[in-house]
């Protein structure tokens, strides 16, 4: 795949995930009933919901900085994967498989985005450039 195509897929995924996690983080911090009620229904305590919101918004800020903080971006990707995986299994346990569609979509988009990230930045991550 050409670098231009890789960059387009990468930035499309970053924008999608930033909107997804940005909205979720904002709703968690503002105690929006749609997100807040479901998260509490899944068994997460209020203090954890606020922490999720802070980390989601901080993470998207890191992802949106081009060509910098590459190692930290890997940590952000890991955090997003954990968030999605926990949401997926929590929803299966409490709400049933039908409620996991959003987690499956997010996992797919994040996986493709991370693969593009690795294609673009593997050299810099290994050799410590940028």
Protein backbone atom coordinates (compact mmCIF):
# COMPACT_ATOMS: atom_id res chain seq x y z
CA UNK A 1 0.00 0.00 0.00
CA UNK A 2 1.34 3.43 -0.88
CA UNK A 3 2.28 5.84 1.87
CA UNK A 4 -0.33 8.39 0.77
CA UNK A 5 -3.09 5.77 1.03
CA UNK A 6 -1.71 4.61 4.38
CA UNK A 7 -1.75 8.20 5.69
CA UNK A 8 -5.32 8.75 4.49
CA UNK A 9 -6.53 5.56 6.19
CA UNK A 10 -4.52 6.40 9.33
CA UNK A 11 -5.84 9.98 9.66
CA UNK A 12 -9.40 8.90 8.83
CA UNK A 13 -9.18 6.36 11.66
CA UNK A 14 -7.63 8.90 14.04
CA UNK A 15 -10.40 11.39 13.31
CA UNK A 16 -13.11 8.73 13.71
CA UNK A 17 -11.64 7.45 17.00
CA UNK A 18 -11.09 11.01 18.25
CA UNK A 19 -14.73 11.86 17.62
CA UNK A 20 -15.86 8.56 19.16
CA UNK A 21 -13.70 8.78 22.28
CA UNK A 22 -14.01 12.57 22.47
CA UNK A 23 -17.79 12.40 22.62
CA UNK A 24 -17.67 9.54 25.09
CA UNK A 25 -15.11 11.31 27.31
CA UNK A 26 -17.06 14.57 27.19
CA UNK A 27 -20.30 12.77 28.09
CA UNK A 28 -18.58 10.96 30.96
CA UNK A 29 -17.22 14.22 32.39
CA UNK A 30 -20.53 16.08 31.98
CA UNK A 31 -22.52 13.19 33.46
CA UNK A 32 -24.64 12.80 30.32
CA UNK A 33 -27.40 10.31 31.22
CA UNK A 34 -27.04 8.25 28.03
CA UNK A 35 -23.40 7.33 28.68
CA UNK A 36 -23.46 7.67 32.46
CA UNK A 37 -26.48 5.41 33.03
CA UNK A 38 -25.22 2.63 30.77
CA UNK A 39 -21.75 2.73 32.32
CA UNK A 40 -23.21 2.51 35.83
CA UNK A 41 -25.57 -0.27 34.67
CA UNK A 42 -22.45 -2.17 33.59
CA UNK A 43 -21.22 -1.91 37.19
CA UNK A 44 -18.56 0.80 36.98
CA UNK A 45 -18.39 3.23 39.93
CA UNK A 46 -18.80 7.00 39.43
CA UNK A 47 -15.16 7.87 40.17
CA UNK A 48 -14.03 5.43 37.47
CA UNK A 49 -16.35 7.03 34.91
CA UNK A 50 -14.72 10.44 35.51
CA UNK A 51 -11.24 8.92 35.20
CA UNK A 52 -12.26 7.34 31.87
CA UNK A 53 -13.42 10.71 30.62
CA UNK A 54 -10.17 12.45 31.54
CA UNK A 55 -8.00 9.74 29.95
CA UNK A 56 -10.10 9.58 26.78
CA UNK A 57 -9.85 13.33 26.20
CA UNK A 58 -6.14 13.37 27.04
CA UNK A 59 -5.53 10.44 24.71
CA UNK A 60 -7.18 12.03 21.72
CA UNK A 61 -5.10 15.17 22.21
CA UNK A 62 -1.98 13.00 21.96
CA UNK A 63 -3.28 11.20 18.86
CA UNK A 64 -4.05 14.45 17.06
CA UNK A 65 -0.48 15.79 17.33
CA UNK A 66 1.14 14.81 14.02
CA UNK A 67 4.51 13.02 13.94
CA UNK A 68 5.23 13.48 17.67
CA UNK A 69 4.91 11.52 20.92
CA UNK A 70 4.96 8.22 19.03
CA UNK A 71 5.69 6.03 22.07
CA UNK A 72 2.93 7.77 24.03
CA UNK A 73 0.57 7.22 21.07
CA UNK A 74 1.22 3.48 21.41
CA UNK A 75 0.09 3.74 25.03
CA UNK A 76 -3.02 5.62 23.93
CA UNK A 77 -3.81 2.89 21.40
CA UNK A 78 -3.35 0.28 24.14
CA UNK A 79 -5.67 2.20 26.46
CA UNK A 80 -8.31 2.45 23.75
CA UNK A 81 -8.05 -1.28 23.05
CA UNK A 82 -8.48 -2.06 26.76
CA UNK A 83 -11.45 0.33 27.01
CA UNK A 84 -13.15 -1.29 24.02
CA UNK A 85 -12.45 -4.84 25.20
CA UNK A 86 -13.77 -4.12 28.70
CA UNK A 87 -16.86 -2.44 27.23
CA UNK A 88 -17.43 -5.42 24.92
CA UNK A 89 -17.26 -8.03 27.68
CA UNK A 90 -19.16 -5.89 30.19
CA UNK A 91 -21.97 -5.44 27.68
CA UNK A 92 -22.08 -9.15 26.88
CA UNK A 93 -22.31 -9.99 30.59
CA UNK A 94 -24.98 -7.42 31.46
CA UNK A 95 -26.84 -6.39 28.31
CA UNK A 96 -26.25 -9.27 25.88
CA UNK A 97 -24.41 -9.61 22.59
CA UNK A 98 -26.76 -7.28 20.67
CA UNK A 99 -25.45 -4.35 22.74
CA UNK A 100 -21.86 -4.88 21.56
CA UNK A 101 -22.19 -3.51 18.01
CA UNK A 102 -20.51 -0.22 18.92
CA UNK A 103 -17.57 -2.01 20.55
CA UNK A 104 -17.12 -4.26 17.50
CA UNK A 105 -17.11 -1.26 15.15
CA UNK A 106 -14.69 0.68 17.38
CA UNK A 107 -12.38 -2.34 17.70
CA UNK A 108 -12.30 -2.81 13.93
CA UNK A 109 -11.59 0.85 13.17
CA UNK A 110 -8.97 1.07 15.93
CA UNK A 111 -7.24 -2.11 14.71
CA UNK A 112 -6.96 -0.81 11.14
CA UNK A 113 -5.78 2.58 12.41
CA UNK A 114 -3.11 0.98 14.59
CA UNK A 115 -1.87 -1.16 11.68
CA UNK A 116 -1.52 2.01 9.58
CA UNK A 117 0.27 3.73 12.49
CA UNK A 118 2.79 0.89 12.62
CA UNK A 119 3.28 1.03 8.84
CA UNK A 120 3.99 4.74 9.01
CA UNK A 121 6.13 4.89 12.16
CA UNK A 122 7.82 1.53 12.80
CA UNK A 123 11.26 2.86 11.86
CA UNK A 124 10.95 5.87 14.17
CA UNK A 125 9.67 3.72 17.04
CA UNK A 126 12.57 1.27 16.69
CA UNK A 127 15.34 3.79 16.18
CA UNK A 128 13.96 6.57 18.36
CA UNK A 129 13.58 9.24 15.70
CA UNK A 130 10.90 11.92 15.61
